[in-house]
Amino acid sequence: MLKKIVQEKQDINPSDSKGLHKLVKRIKPEGKIDEEVTEMLLDYTDYLIEELTRCSCALASHRQSKTLELKDVQLYVEGTRNIRTANKNSHV
């Protein structure tokens, strides 16, 4: 089931209300999401993206680069969130 959700995730944008509702329906077809939960998840998504960007830019700066690269984002996500990321050449 998880593999199917990952493969189909490309048509879902969980950074908006409609996308969150689609994601819940994909995971649990009869599922519903409360508006307060939607709002909280959207706020948390914004926070995570901002934190990820800020910290990844700091890593790029630390290696004296003006360009944010995939390796900066991967290092942050794997090091702080313990989330294994796929290389750009690999497929999930």
N, C-alpha and C. Protein backbone atom coordinates (compact mmCIF):
# COMPACT_ATOMS: atom_id res chain seq x y z
N MET A 1 0.83 -1.19 0.00
CA MET A 1 0.00 0.00 0.00
C MET A 1 0.87 1.25 0.00
N LEU A 2 1.90 1.30 0.86
CA LEU A 2 2.76 2.47 0.94
C LEU A 2 3.46 2.72 -0.39
N LYS A 3 3.93 1.65 -1.03
CA LYS A 3 4.60 1.79 -2.32
C LYS A 3 3.65 2.41 -3.35
N LYS A 4 2.39 1.99 -3.34
CA LYS A 4 1.40 2.54 -4.27
C LYS A 4 1.19 4.02 -3.99
N ILE A 5 1.12 4.41 -2.73
CA ILE A 5 0.93 5.81 -2.35
C ILE A 5 2.13 6.63 -2.81
N VAL A 6 3.33 6.12 -2.61
CA VAL A 6 4.54 6.84 -3.03
C VAL A 6 4.57 6.99 -4.53
N GLN A 7 4.22 5.95 -5.26
CA GLN A 7 4.23 6.02 -6.71
C GLN A 7 3.20 7.01 -7.24
N GLU A 8 2.08 7.13 -6.55
CA GLU A 8 1.01 8.00 -7.01
C GLU A 8 1.08 9.41 -6.44
N LYS A 9 2.04 9.68 -5.59
CA LYS A 9 2.10 10.96 -4.89
C LYS A 9 2.36 12.14 -5.80
N GLN A 10 2.81 11.91 -6.98
CA GLN A 10 3.22 12.99 -7.86
C GLN A 10 2.07 13.89 -8.27
N ASP A 11 0.83 13.42 -8.22
CA ASP A 11 -0.29 14.26 -8.60
C ASP A 11 -0.95 14.92 -7.40
N ILE A 12 -0.33 14.83 -6.24
CA ILE A 12 -0.87 15.42 -5.02
C ILE A 12 0.10 16.48 -4.51
N ASN A 13 -0.43 17.66 -4.22
CA ASN A 13 0.36 18.72 -3.63
C ASN A 13 -0.14 18.94 -2.21
N PRO A 14 0.54 18.33 -1.21
CA PRO A 14 0.05 18.44 0.16
C PRO A 14 0.29 19.81 0.79
N SER A 15 0.76 20.78 0.03
CA SER A 15 0.99 22.10 0.58
C SER A 15 -0.24 23.01 0.44
N ASP A 16 -1.37 22.44 0.02
CA ASP A 16 -2.62 23.19 0.03
C ASP A 16 -3.74 22.29 0.56
N SER A 17 -4.84 22.90 0.93
CA SER A 17 -5.95 22.18 1.55
C SER A 17 -6.48 21.05 0.67
N LYS A 18 -6.67 21.34 -0.59
CA LYS A 18 -7.19 20.34 -1.52
C LYS A 18 -6.24 19.14 -1.60
N GLY A 19 -4.95 19.41 -1.64
CA GLY A 19 -3.95 18.34 -1.71
C GLY A 19 -3.95 17.47 -0.46
N LEU A 20 -4.10 18.08 0.70
CA LEU A 20 -4.16 17.30 1.94
C LEU A 20 -5.38 16.38 1.94
N HIS A 21 -6.51 16.90 1.49
CA HIS A 21 -7.72 16.08 1.43
C HIS A 21 -7.54 14.91 0.45
N LYS A 22 -6.89 15.17 -0.68
CA LYS A 22 -6.62 14.10 -1.64
C LYS A 22 -5.71 13.04 -1.02
N LEU A 23 -4.70 13.49 -0.28
CA LEU A 23 -3.76 12.56 0.35
C LEU A 23 -4.48 11.67 1.36
N VAL A 24 -5.33 12.25 2.17
CA VAL A 24 -6.09 11.46 3.14
C VAL A 24 -6.96 10.44 2.42
N LYS A 25 -7.64 10.86 1.36
CA LYS A 25 -8.50 9.94 0.59
C LYS A 25 -7.68 8.82 -0.04
N ARG A 26 -6.48 9.12 -0.48
CA ARG A 26 -5.63 8.10 -1.08
C ARG A 26 -5.20 7.07 -0.04
N ILE A 27 -4.90 7.54 1.17
CA ILE A 27 -4.46 6.63 2.24
C ILE A 27 -5.64 5.85 2.79
N LYS A 28 -6.74 6.55 3.02
CA LYS A 28 -7.93 5.92 3.59
C LYS A 28 -9.15 6.50 2.87
N PRO A 29 -9.67 5.79 1.87
CA PRO A 29 -10.74 6.33 1.02
C PRO A 29 -11.95 6.89 1.77
N GLU A 30 -12.30 6.31 2.90
CA GLU A 30 -13.45 6.82 3.64
C GLU A 30 -13.03 7.89 4.65
N GLY A 31 -11.75 8.23 4.68
CA GLY A 31 -11.22 9.17 5.66
C GLY A 31 -11.59 10.61 5.39
N LYS A 32 -11.67 11.36 6.46
CA LYS A 32 -11.94 12.80 6.40
C LYS A 32 -10.90 13.50 7.27
N ILE A 33 -10.73 14.78 7.01
CA ILE A 33 -9.76 15.56 7.78
C ILE A 33 -10.46 16.82 8.29
N ASP A 34 -10.33 17.06 9.57
CA ASP A 34 -10.93 18.22 10.21
C ASP A 34 -10.22 19.48 9.73
N GLU A 35 -10.95 20.57 9.60
CA GLU A 35 -10.37 21.82 9.11
C GLU A 35 -9.27 22.34 10.02
N GLU A 36 -9.41 22.15 11.34
CA GLU A 36 -8.35 22.57 12.26
C GLU A 36 -7.07 21.77 12.02
N VAL A 37 -7.22 20.49 11.72
CA VAL A 37 -6.07 19.63 11.42
C VAL A 37 -5.44 20.08 10.10
N THR A 38 -6.27 20.37 9.12
CA THR A 38 -5.76 20.86 7.84
C THR A 38 -4.92 22.11 8.04
N GLU A 39 -5.45 23.05 8.80
CA GLU A 39 -4.74 24.30 9.07
C GLU A 39 -3.42 24.05 9.79
N MET A 40 -3.44 23.16 10.78
CA MET A 40 -2.23 22.85 11.54
C MET A 40 -1.18 22.19 10.64
N LEU A 41 -1.61 21.26 9.80
CA LEU A 41 -0.68 20.58 8.90
C LEU A 41 -0.09 21.54 7.87
N LEU A 42 -0.89 22.45 7.36
CA LEU A 42 -0.39 23.44 6.41
C LEU A 42 0.63 24.37 7.07
N ASP A 43 0.34 24.79 8.30
CA ASP A 43 1.29 25.62 9.05
C ASP A 43 2.60 24.87 9.28
N TYR A 44 2.49 23.61 9.67
CA TYR A 44 3.68 22.80 9.94
C TYR A 44 4.47 22.56 8.65
N THR A 45 3.77 22.37 7.54
CA THR A 45 4.43 22.20 6.24
C THR A 45 5.24 23.44 5.91
N ASP A 46 4.63 24.61 6.08
CA ASP A 46 5.34 25.87 5.83
C ASP A 46 6.58 25.98 6.71
N TYR A 47 6.41 25.65 7.99
CA TYR A 47 7.54 25.71 8.92
C TYR A 47 8.67 24.77 8.49
N LEU A 48 8.33 23.54 8.14
CA LEU A 48 9.35 22.57 7.73
C LEU A 48 10.08 23.01 6.47
N ILE A 49 9.35 23.54 5.50
CA ILE A 49 9.99 23.99 4.25
C ILE A 49 10.92 25.16 4.54
N GLU A 50 10.47 26.08 5.38
CA GLU A 50 11.32 27.23 5.73
C GLU A 50 12.57 26.76 6.47
N GLU A 51 12.41 25.88 7.44
CA GLU A 51 13.56 25.36 8.20
C GLU A 51 14.51 24.59 7.29
N LEU A 52 13.97 23.74 6.44
CA LEU A 52 14.78 22.96 5.51
C LEU A 52 15.59 23.87 4.59
N THR A 53 14.95 24.89 4.07
CA THR A 53 15.63 25.81 3.16
C THR A 53 16.71 26.60 3.89
N ARG A 54 16.37 27.14 5.05
CA ARG A 54 17.32 27.94 5.82
C ARG A 54 18.55 27.12 6.21
N CYS A 55 18.32 25.94 6.75
CA CYS A 55 19.43 25.10 7.21
C CYS A 55 20.25 24.54 6.05
N SER A 56 19.59 24.20 4.96
CA SER A 56 20.31 23.70 3.79
C SER A 56 21.18 24.80 3.18
N CYS A 57 20.66 26.02 3.18
CA CYS A 57 21.46 27.15 2.69
C CYS A 57 22.67 27.39 3.59
N ALA A 58 22.48 27.21 4.89
CA ALA A 58 23.61 27.35 5.82
C ALA A 58 24.68 26.30 5.53
N LEU A 59 24.25 25.08 5.20
CA LEU A 59 25.22 24.03 4.85
C LEU A 59 25.96 24.38 3.56
N ALA A 60 25.25 24.91 2.58
CA ALA A 60 25.90 25.32 1.33
C ALA A 60 26.90 26.43 1.61
N SER A 61 26.51 27.36 2.44
CA SER A 61 27.39 28.46 2.80
C SER A 61 28.63 27.94 3.54
N HIS A 62 28.43 26.96 4.40
CA HIS A 62 29.54 26.37 5.16
C HIS A 62 30.58 25.76 4.22
N ARG A 63 30.13 25.19 3.11
CA ARG A 63 31.09 24.64 2.14
C ARG A 63 31.50 25.70 1.13
N GLN A 64 31.20 26.96 1.49
CA GLN A 64 31.61 28.14 0.72
C GLN A 64 31.06 28.14 -0.71
N SER A 65 29.80 27.74 -0.82
CA SER A 65 29.13 27.74 -2.11
C SER A 65 27.98 28.74 -2.07
N LYS A 66 27.74 29.39 -3.17
CA LYS A 66 26.60 30.30 -3.30
C LYS A 66 25.40 29.59 -3.89
N THR A 67 25.57 28.29 -4.18
CA THR A 67 24.51 27.51 -4.80
C THR A 67 24.02 26.43 -3.85
N LEU A 68 22.73 26.40 -3.61
CA LEU A 68 22.12 25.33 -2.82
C LEU A 68 22.02 24.10 -3.71
N GLU A 69 22.60 23.01 -3.26
CA GLU A 69 22.61 21.78 -4.05
C GLU A 69 21.84 20.68 -3.33
N LEU A 70 21.51 19.65 -4.09
CA LEU A 70 20.78 18.51 -3.56
C LEU A 70 21.49 17.92 -2.35
N LYS A 71 22.80 17.85 -2.40
CA LYS A 71 23.55 17.24 -1.29
C LYS A 71 23.37 18.03 0.01
N ASP A 72 23.15 19.34 -0.07
CA ASP A 72 22.91 20.14 1.14
C ASP A 72 21.58 19.76 1.77
N VAL A 73 20.56 19.62 0.94
CA VAL A 73 19.23 19.26 1.43
C VAL A 73 19.26 17.83 1.99
N GLN A 74 19.90 16.92 1.26
CA GLN A 74 19.99 15.53 1.72
C GLN A 74 20.71 15.43 3.06
N LEU A 75 21.80 16.16 3.21
CA LEU A 75 22.57 16.12 4.45
C LEU A 75 21.71 16.59 5.62
N TYR A 76 20.97 17.65 5.41
CA TYR A 76 20.10 18.16 6.47
C TYR A 76 19.01 17.16 6.83
N VAL A 77 18.30 16.67 5.82
CA VAL A 77 17.16 15.77 6.06
C VAL A 77 17.62 14.47 6.70
N GLU A 78 18.70 13.90 6.20
CA GLU A 78 19.19 12.63 6.75
C GLU A 78 19.79 12.82 8.14
N GLY A 79 20.45 13.95 8.36
CA GLY A 79 21.11 14.17 9.64
C GLY A 79 20.20 14.60 10.76
N THR A 80 19.17 15.39 10.45
CA THR A 80 18.32 15.92 11.51
C THR A 80 16.98 15.23 11.63
N ARG A 81 16.48 14.71 10.54
CA ARG A 81 15.16 14.06 10.54
C ARG A 81 15.25 12.55 10.45
N ASN A 82 16.48 12.06 10.25
CA ASN A 82 16.71 10.63 10.11
C ASN A 82 15.82 10.03 9.01
N ILE A 83 15.71 10.79 7.91
CA ILE A 83 14.92 10.36 6.76
C ILE A 83 15.89 10.09 5.63
N ARG A 84 15.92 8.86 5.18
CA ARG A 84 16.79 8.49 4.07
C ARG A 84 16.21 9.04 2.79
N THR A 85 17.05 9.73 2.02
CA THR A 85 16.58 10.30 0.76
C THR A 85 17.15 9.55 -0.41
N ALA A 86 16.42 9.57 -1.51
CA ALA A 86 16.88 8.92 -2.73
C ALA A 86 17.81 9.86 -3.49
N ASN A 87 18.81 9.31 -4.12
CA ASN A 87 19.65 10.13 -4.98
C ASN A 87 18.84 10.56 -6.18
N LYS A 88 19.28 11.62 -6.84
CA LYS A 88 18.51 12.11 -8.00
C LYS A 88 18.48 11.12 -9.13
N ASN A 89 19.42 10.19 -9.16
CA ASN A 89 19.47 9.19 -10.23
C ASN A 89 18.77 7.89 -9.88
N SER A 90 18.32 7.77 -8.64
CA SER A 90 17.65 6.53 -8.24
C SER A 90 16.14 6.75 -8.25
N HIS A 91 15.42 5.66 -8.28
CA HIS A 91 13.95 5.72 -8.31
C HIS A 91 13.40 5.07 -7.06
N VAL A 92 12.37 5.68 -6.49
CA VAL A 92 11.72 5.14 -5.28
C VAL A 92 10.72 4.11 -5.70
